[in-house]
PDB file of all heavy atoms in Angstrom:
ATOM      1  N   ASP A   1     104.349  73.320 100.864  1.00  0.00           N
ATOM      2  CA  ASP A   1     103.353  73.665 101.886  1.00  0.00           C
ATOM      3  C   ASP A   1     103.123  72.516 102.856  1.00  0.00           C
ATOM      4  O   ASP A   1     102.924  72.723 104.060  1.00  0.00           O
ATOM      5  CB  ASP A   1     102.034  74.058 101.222  1.00  0.00           C
ATOM      6  CG  ASP A   1     102.136  75.393 100.470  1.00  0.00           C
ATOM      7  OD1 ASP A   1     103.086  76.141 100.740  1.00  0.00           O
ATOM      8  OD2 ASP A   1     101.257  75.653  99.607  1.00  0.00           O
ATOM      9  N   VAL A   2     103.151  71.297 102.341  1.00  0.00           N
ATOM     10  CA  VAL A   2     102.966  70.128 103.215  1.00  0.00           C
ATOM     11  C   VAL A   2     104.093  70.024 104.219  1.00  0.00           C
ATOM     12  O   VAL A   2     103.902  69.757 105.402  1.00  0.00           O
ATOM     13  CB  VAL A   2     102.854  68.842 102.368  1.00  0.00           C
ATOM     14  CG1 VAL A   2     102.908  67.611 103.264  1.00  0.00           C
ATOM     15  CG2 VAL A   2     101.583  68.855 101.542  1.00  0.00           C
ATOM     16  N   LYS A   3     105.352  70.290 103.749  1.00  0.00           N
ATOM     17  CA  LYS A   3     106.505  70.184 104.643  1.00  0.00           C
ATOM     18  C   LYS A   3     106.475  71.256 105.731  1.00  0.00           C
ATOM     19  O   LYS A   3     106.879  71.017 106.866  1.00  0.00           O
ATOM     20  CB  LYS A   3     107.785  70.295 103.826  1.00  0.00           C
ATOM     21  CG  LYS A   3     108.008  69.101 102.906  1.00  0.00           C
ATOM     22  CD  LYS A   3     109.270  69.278 102.079  1.00  0.00           C
ATOM     23  CE  LYS A   3     109.485  68.097 101.140  1.00  0.00           C
ATOM     24  NZ  LYS A   3     110.720  68.251 100.330  1.00  0.00           N
ATOM     25  N   THR A   4     106.014  72.477 105.397  1.00  0.00           N
ATOM     26  CA  THR A   4     106.003  73.567 106.373  1.00  0.00           C
ATOM     27  C   THR A   4     104.735  73.618 107.203  1.00  0.00           C
ATOM     28  O   THR A   4     104.608  74.442 108.111  1.00  0.00           O
ATOM     29  CB  THR A   4     106.172  74.908 105.648  1.00  0.00           C
ATOM     30  OG1 THR A   4     105.084  75.051 104.702  1.00  0.00           O
ATOM     31  CG2 THR A   4     107.496  74.969 104.897  1.00  0.00           C
ATOM     32  N   GLY A   5     103.753  72.799 106.885  1.00  0.00           N
ATOM     33  CA  GLY A   5     102.509  72.787 107.633  1.00  0.00           C
ATOM     34  C   GLY A   5     101.520  73.839 107.213  1.00  0.00           C
ATOM     35  O   GLY A   5     100.546  74.105 107.927  1.00  0.00           O
ATOM     36  N   THR A   6     101.742  74.472 106.072  1.00  0.00           N
ATOM     37  CA  THR A   6     100.807  75.483 105.581  1.00  0.00           C
ATOM     38  C   THR A   6      99.547  74.808 105.070  1.00  0.00           C
ATOM     39  O   THR A   6      99.636  73.782 104.385  1.00  0.00           O
ATOM     40  CB  THR A   6     101.461  76.292 104.442  1.00  0.00           C
ATOM     41  OG1 THR A   6     102.693  76.844 104.927  1.00  0.00           O
ATOM     42  CG2 THR A   6     100.527  77.414 103.984  1.00  0.00           C
ATOM     43  N   PRO A   7      98.336  75.387 105.400  1.00  0.00           N
ATOM     44  CA  PRO A   7      97.083  74.790 104.890  1.00  0.00           C
ATOM     45  C   PRO A   7      97.117  74.691 103.380  1.00  0.00           C
ATOM     46  O   PRO A   7      97.555  75.614 102.693  1.00  0.00           O
ATOM     47  CB  PRO A   7      96.012  75.760 105.365  1.00  0.00           C
ATOM     48  CG  PRO A   7      96.604  76.440 106.548  1.00  0.00           C
ATOM     49  CD  PRO A   7      98.079  76.554 106.266  1.00  0.00           C
ATOM     50  N   LEU A   8      96.665  73.552 102.889  1.00  0.00           N
ATOM     51  CA  LEU A   8      96.712  73.292 101.449  1.00  0.00           C
ATOM     52  C   LEU A   8      95.594  74.009 100.716  1.00  0.00           C
ATOM     53  O   LEU A   8      94.498  74.171 101.221  1.00  0.00           O
ATOM     54  CB  LEU A   8      96.613  71.792 101.184  1.00  0.00           C
ATOM     55  CG  LEU A   8      97.775  70.931 101.714  1.00  0.00           C
ATOM     56  CD1 LEU A   8      97.501  69.466 101.390  1.00  0.00           C
ATOM     57  CD2 LEU A   8      99.087  71.372 101.101  1.00  0.00           C
ATOM     58  N   ASN A   9      95.915  74.429  99.517  1.00  0.00           N
ATOM     59  CA  ASN A   9      94.907  74.950  98.605  1.00  0.00           C
ATOM     60  C   ASN A   9      95.197  74.313  97.270  1.00  0.00           C
ATOM     61  O   ASN A   9      96.022  74.769  96.496  1.00  0.00           O
ATOM     62  CB  ASN A   9      94.980  76.471  98.513  1.00  0.00           C
ATOM     63  CG  ASN A   9      93.861  77.047  97.642  1.00  0.00           C
ATOM     64  OD1 ASN A   9      93.125  76.307  97.013  1.00  0.00           O
ATOM     65  ND2 ASN A   9      93.776  78.378  97.626  1.00  0.00           N
ATOM     66  N   ALA A  10      94.560  73.193  97.042  1.00  0.00           N
ATOM     67  CA  ALA A  10      94.905  72.374  95.883  1.00  0.00           C
ATOM     68  C   ALA A  10      94.698  73.114  94.587  1.00  0.00           C
ATOM     69  O   ALA A  10      95.320  72.810  93.578  1.00  0.00           O
ATOM     70  CB  ALA A  10      94.062  71.098  95.893  1.00  0.00           C
ATOM     71  N   LEU A  11      93.840  74.116  94.603  1.00  0.00           N
ATOM     72  CA  LEU A  11      93.580  74.846  93.364  1.00  0.00           C
ATOM     73  C   LEU A  11      94.518  76.026  93.194  1.00  0.00           C
ATOM     74  O   LEU A  11      94.445  76.739  92.201  1.00  0.00           O
ATOM     75  CB  LEU A  11      92.130  75.325  93.349  1.00  0.00           C
ATOM     76  CG  LEU A  11      91.079  74.209  93.346  1.00  0.00           C
ATOM     77  CD1 LEU A  11      89.698  74.826  93.418  1.00  0.00           C
ATOM     78  CD2 LEU A  11      91.241  73.314  92.144  1.00  0.00           C
ATOM     79  N   GLY A  12      95.379  76.272  94.208  1.00  0.00           N
ATOM     80  CA  GLY A  12      96.321  77.387  94.096  1.00  0.00           C
ATOM     81  C   GLY A  12      95.733  78.671  94.587  1.00  0.00           C
ATOM     82  O   GLY A  12      94.541  78.803  94.762  1.00  0.00           O
ATOM     83  N   ASN A  13      96.591  79.691  94.818  1.00  0.00           N
ATOM     84  CA  ASN A  13      96.146  80.970  95.349  1.00  0.00           C
ATOM     85  C   ASN A  13      96.295  82.109  94.350  1.00  0.00           C
ATOM     86  O   ASN A  13      95.904  83.217  94.630  1.00  0.00           O
ATOM     87  CB  ASN A  13      96.937  81.322  96.614  1.00  0.00           C
ATOM     88  CG  ASN A  13      96.721  80.297  97.711  1.00  0.00           C
ATOM     89  OD1 ASN A  13      95.602  79.881  97.914  1.00  0.00           O
ATOM     90  ND2 ASN A  13      97.793  79.908  98.382  1.00  0.00           N
ATOM     91  N   SER A  14      96.927  81.864  93.276  1.00  0.00           N
ATOM     92  CA  SER A  14      97.177  82.969  92.329  1.00  0.00           C
ATOM     93  C   SER A  14      96.270  82.873  91.134  1.00  0.00           C
ATOM     94  O   SER A  14      95.842  81.810  90.746  1.00  0.00           O
ATOM     95  CB  SER A  14      98.648  82.943  91.852  1.00  0.00           C
ATOM     96  OG  SER A  14      98.889  81.749  91.136  1.00  0.00           O
ATOM     97  N   THR A  15      96.039  84.010  90.570  1.00  0.00           N
ATOM     98  CA  THR A  15      95.219  84.053  89.365  1.00  0.00           C
ATOM     99  C   THR A  15      95.901  83.385  88.211  1.00  0.00           C
ATOM    100  O   THR A  15      95.261  82.772  87.360  1.00  0.00           O
ATOM    101  CB  THR A  15      94.898  85.513  89.018  1.00  0.00           C
ATOM    102  OG1 THR A  15      94.324  86.135  90.157  1.00  0.00           O
ATOM    103  CG2 THR A  15      93.952  85.601  87.843  1.00  0.00           C
ATOM    104  N   SER A  16      97.252  83.499  88.200  1.00  0.00           N
ATOM    105  CA  SER A  16      97.997  82.879  87.098  1.00  0.00           C
ATOM    106  C   SER A  16      97.824  81.377  87.110  1.00  0.00           C
ATOM    107  O   SER A  16      97.730  80.744  86.057  1.00  0.00           O
ATOM    108  CB  SER A  16      99.489  83.242  87.210  1.00  0.00           C
ATOM    109  OG  SER A  16     100.004  82.753  88.456  1.00  0.00           O
ATOM    110  N   THR A  17      97.796  80.853  88.306  1.00  0.00           N
ATOM    111  CA  THR A  17      97.603  79.399  88.385  1.00  0.00           C
ATOM    112  C   THR A  17      96.247  79.014  87.853  1.00  0.00           C
ATOM    113  O   THR A  17      96.095  78.033  87.139  1.00  0.00           O
ATOM    114  CB  THR A  17      97.735  78.930  89.853  1.00  0.00           C
ATOM    115  OG1 THR A  17      98.981  79.340  90.368  1.00  0.00           O
ATOM    116  CG2 THR A  17      97.599  77.427  89.939  1.00  0.00           C
ATOM    117  N   ASN A  18      95.223  79.836  88.183  1.00  0.00           N
ATOM    118  CA  ASN A  18      93.878  79.551  87.686  1.00  0.00           C
ATOM    119  C   ASN A  18      93.841  79.616  86.172  1.00  0.00           C
ATOM    120  O   ASN A  18      93.217  78.788  85.523  1.00  0.00           O
ATOM    121  CB  ASN A  18      92.885  80.550  88.260  1.00  0.00           C
ATOM    122  CG  ASN A  18      92.779  80.409  89.775  1.00  0.00           C
ATOM    123  OD1 ASN A  18      93.109  79.364  90.315  1.00  0.00           O
ATOM    124  ND2 ASN A  18      92.345  81.490  90.437  1.00  0.00           N
ATOM    125  N   VAL A  19      94.523  80.640  85.663  1.00  0.00           N
ATOM    126  CA  VAL A  19      94.542  80.794  84.199  1.00  0.00           C
ATOM    127  C   VAL A  19      95.259  79.640  83.555  1.00  0.00           C
ATOM    128  O   VAL A  19      94.836  79.111  82.534  1.00  0.00           O
ATOM    129  CB  VAL A  19      95.197  82.146  83.815  1.00  0.00           C
ATOM    130  CG1 VAL A  19      95.320  82.255  82.315  1.00  0.00           C
ATOM    131  CG2 VAL A  19      94.385  83.291  84.390  1.00  0.00           C
ATOM    132  N   MET A  20      96.339  79.224  84.208  1.00  0.00           N
ATOM    133  CA  MET A  20      97.120  78.112  83.658  1.00  0.00           C
ATOM    134  C   MET A  20      96.281  76.850  83.612  1.00  0.00           C
ATOM    135  O   MET A  20      96.266  76.138  82.617  1.00  0.00           O
ATOM    136  CB  MET A  20      98.364  77.915  84.532  1.00  0.00           C
ATOM    137  CG  MET A  20      99.258  76.732  84.107  1.00  0.00           C
ATOM    138  SD  MET A  20      98.748  75.157  84.796  1.00  0.00           S
ATOM    139  CE  MET A  20      98.992  75.458  86.527  1.00  0.00           C
ATOM    140  N   LEU A  21      95.573  76.625  84.694  1.00  0.00           N
ATOM    141  CA  LEU A  21      94.764  75.405  84.729  1.00  0.00           C
ATOM    142  C   LEU A  21      93.662  75.449  83.695  1.00  0.00           C
ATOM    143  O   LEU A  21      93.373  74.466  83.033  1.00  0.00           O
ATOM    144  CB  LEU A  21      94.171  75.229  86.127  1.00  0.00           C
ATOM    145  CG  LEU A  21      95.172  74.819  87.226  1.00  0.00           C
ATOM    146  CD1 LEU A  21      94.480  74.805  88.576  1.00  0.00           C
ATOM    147  CD2 LEU A  21      95.806  73.466  86.921  1.00  0.00           C
ATOM    148  N   THR A  22      93.063  76.643  83.587  1.00  0.00           N
ATOM    149  CA  THR A  22      91.970  76.751  82.633  1.00  0.00           C
ATOM    150  C   THR A  22      92.464  76.550  81.218  1.00  0.00           C
ATOM    151  O   THR A  22      91.830  75.870  80.413  1.00  0.00           O
ATOM    152  CB  THR A  22      91.313  78.128  82.754  1.00  0.00           C
ATOM    153  OG1 THR A  22      90.875  78.305  84.102  1.00  0.00           O
ATOM    154  CG2 THR A  22      90.125  78.257  81.816  1.00  0.00           C
ATOM    155  N   ASN A  23      93.623  77.138  80.901  1.00  0.00           N
ATOM    156  CA  ASN A  23      94.131  77.042  79.541  1.00  0.00           C
ATOM    157  C   ASN A  23      94.661  75.660  79.231  1.00  0.00           C
ATOM    158  O   ASN A  23      94.734  75.283  78.061  1.00  0.00           O
ATOM    159  CB  ASN A  23      95.234  78.081  79.324  1.00  0.00           C
ATOM    160  CG  ASN A  23      94.673  79.495  79.380  1.00  0.00           C
ATOM    161  OD1 ASN A  23      93.496  79.691  79.150  1.00  0.00           O
ATOM    162  ND2 ASN A  23      95.542  80.459  79.696  1.00  0.00           N
ATOM    163  N   SER A  24      95.090  74.934  80.287  1.00  0.00           N
ATOM    164  CA  SER A  24      95.713  73.639  80.017  1.00  0.00           C
ATOM    165  C   SER A  24      94.718  72.484  80.020  1.00  0.00           C
ATOM    166  O   SER A  24      95.107  71.351  79.803  1.00  0.00           O
ATOM    167  CB  SER A  24      96.791  73.364  81.072  1.00  0.00           C
ATOM    168  OG  SER A  24      96.208  73.278  82.357  1.00  0.00           O
ATOM    169  N   LEU A  25      93.420  72.756  80.295  1.00  0.00           N
ATOM    170  CA  LEU A  25      92.441  71.669  80.280  1.00  0.00           C
ATOM    171  C   LEU A  25      92.216  71.180  78.866  1.00  0.00           C
ATOM    172  O   LEU A  25      92.112  71.968  77.947  1.00  0.00           O
ATOM    173  CB  LEU A  25      91.111  72.168  80.853  1.00  0.00           C
ATOM    174  CG  LEU A  25      91.084  72.388  82.370  1.00  0.00           C
ATOM    175  CD1 LEU A  25      89.750  73.020  82.758  1.00  0.00           C
ATOM    176  CD2 LEU A  25      91.306  71.082  83.127  1.00  0.00           C
ATOM    177  N   PRO A  26      92.139  69.912  78.676  1.00  0.00           N
ATOM    178  CA  PRO A  26      91.844  69.388  77.328  1.00  0.00           C
ATOM    179  C   PRO A  26      90.466  69.843  76.874  1.00  0.00           C
ATOM    180  O   PRO A  26      89.591  70.182  77.669  1.00  0.00           O
ATOM    181  CB  PRO A  26      91.896  67.873  77.527  1.00  0.00           C
ATOM    182  CG  PRO A  26      92.657  67.649  78.799  1.00  0.00           C
ATOM    183  CD  PRO A  26      92.387  68.859  79.638  1.00  0.00           C
ATOM    184  N   SER A  27      90.238  69.800  75.600  1.00  0.00           N
ATOM    185  CA  SER A  27      88.981  70.263  75.028  1.00  0.00           C
ATOM    186  C   SER A  27      87.810  69.373  75.403  1.00  0.00           C
ATOM    187  O   SER A  27      86.649  69.748  75.259  1.00  0.00           O
ATOM    188  CB  SER A  27      89.090  70.337  73.496  1.00  0.00           C
ATOM    189  OG  SER A  27      89.389  69.041  72.994  1.00  0.00           O
ATOM    190  N   MET A  28      88.077  68.140  75.893  1.00  0.00           N
ATOM    191  CA  MET A  28      86.997  67.251  76.301  1.00  0.00           C
ATOM    192  C   MET A  28      86.254  67.785  77.518  1.00  0.00           C
ATOM    193  O   MET A  28      85.153  67.382  77.808  1.00  0.00           O
ATOM    194  CB  MET A  28      87.535  65.851  76.618  1.00  0.00           C
ATOM    195  CG  MET A  28      88.613  65.857  77.703  1.00  0.00           C
ATOM    196  SD  MET A  28      89.252  64.236  78.041  1.00  0.00           S
ATOM    197  CE  MET A  28      87.978  63.610  79.076  1.00  0.00           C
ATOM    198  N   PHE A  29      86.862  68.746  78.275  1.00  0.00           N
ATOM    199  CA  PHE A  29      86.215  69.366  79.424  1.00  0.00           C
ATOM    200  C   PHE A  29      85.678  70.748  79.078  1.00  0.00           C
ATOM    201  O   PHE A  29      85.481  71.580  79.943  1.00  0.00           O
ATOM    202  CB  PHE A  29      87.196  69.494  80.591  1.00  0.00           C
ATOM    203  CG  PHE A  29      87.698  68.159  81.067  1.00  0.00           C
ATOM    204  CD1 PHE A  29      89.032  67.800  80.866  1.00  0.00           C
ATOM    205  CD2 PHE A  29      86.849  67.280  81.693  1.00  0.00           C
ATOM    206  CE1 PHE A  29      89.487  66.585  81.303  1.00  0.00           C
ATOM    207  CE2 PHE A  29      87.319  66.054  82.141  1.00  0.00           C
ATOM    208  CZ  PHE A  29      88.650  65.694  81.939  1.00  0.00           C
ATOM    209  N   ALA A  30      85.455  71.029  77.806  1.00  0.00           N
ATOM    210  CA  ALA A  30      84.981  72.345  77.381  1.00  0.00           C
ATOM    211  C   ALA A  30      83.569  72.582  77.895  1.00  0.00           C
ATOM    212  O   ALA A  30      82.864  71.656  78.290  1.00  0.00           O
ATOM    213  CB  ALA A  30      85.010  72.438  75.852  1.00  0.00           C
ATOM    214  N   ALA A  31      83.178  73.876  77.883  1.00  0.00           N
ATOM    215  CA  ALA A  31      81.861  74.258  78.383  1.00  0.00           C
ATOM    216  C   ALA A  31      80.770  73.558  77.601  1.00  0.00           C
ATOM    217  O   ALA A  31      80.851  73.426  76.392  1.00  0.00           O
ATOM    218  CB  ALA A  31      81.689  75.777  78.296  1.00  0.00           C
ATOM    219  N   GLY A  32      79.701  73.145  78.324  1.00  0.00           N
ATOM    220  CA  GLY A  32      78.559  72.490  77.677  1.00  0.00           C
ATOM    221  C   GLY A  32      78.590  70.998  77.801  1.00  0.00           C
ATOM    222  O   GLY A  32      77.575  70.344  77.588  1.00  0.00           O
ATOM    223  N   SER A  33      79.780  70.410  78.113  1.00  0.00           N
ATOM    224  CA  SER A  33      79.853  68.962  78.208  1.00  0.00           C
ATOM    225  C   SER A  33      79.667  68.476  79.628  1.00  0.00           C
ATOM    226  O   SER A  33      79.635  67.281  79.872  1.00  0.00           O
ATOM    227  CB  SER A  33      81.194  68.454  77.681  1.00  0.00           C
ATOM    228  OG  SER A  33      82.238  68.964  78.495  1.00  0.00           O
TER     229      SER A  33
END
Protein backbone atom coordinates (compact mmCIF):
# COMPACT_ATOMS: atom_id res chain seq x y z
CA ASP A 1 0.00 0.00 0.00
CA VAL A 2 2.87 2.38 0.74
CA LYS A 3 4.40 1.74 -2.69
CA THR A 4 1.09 2.32 -4.54
CA GLY A 5 0.08 5.33 -2.47
CA THR A 6 -2.99 3.68 -0.97
CA PRO A 7 -4.09 5.21 2.39
CA LEU A 8 -2.76 3.10 5.22
CA ASN A 9 -4.92 1.19 7.63
CA ALA A 10 -2.51 -0.20 10.14
CA LEU A 11 -5.17 -2.34 11.72
CA GLY A 12 -6.17 -3.92 8.40
CA ASN A 13 -9.48 -3.95 6.53
CA SER A 14 -10.60 -7.53 6.86
CA THR A 15 -12.32 -9.28 9.65
CA SER A 16 -9.86 -12.13 9.38
CA THR A 17 -7.04 -9.80 10.13
CA ASN A 18 -8.89 -8.55 13.19
CA VAL A 19 -9.49 -12.08 14.33
CA MET A 20 -5.89 -12.96 13.72
CA LEU A 21 -4.66 -10.07 15.75
CA THR A 22 -7.05 -10.78 18.55
CA ASN A 23 -6.13 -14.45 18.69
CA SER A 24 -2.41 -13.79 18.46
CA LEU A 25 -2.22 -11.31 21.38
CA PRO A 26 -0.33 -12.68 24.35
CA SER A 27 -2.33 -13.37 27.48
CA MET A 28 -0.67 -10.40 29.23
CA PHE A 29 -3.06 -8.16 27.22
CA ALA A 30 -6.16 -10.12 28.27
CA ALA A 31 -9.36 -8.35 29.28
CA GLY A 32 -9.31 -6.71 32.72
CA SER A 33 -5.62 -5.82 32.70
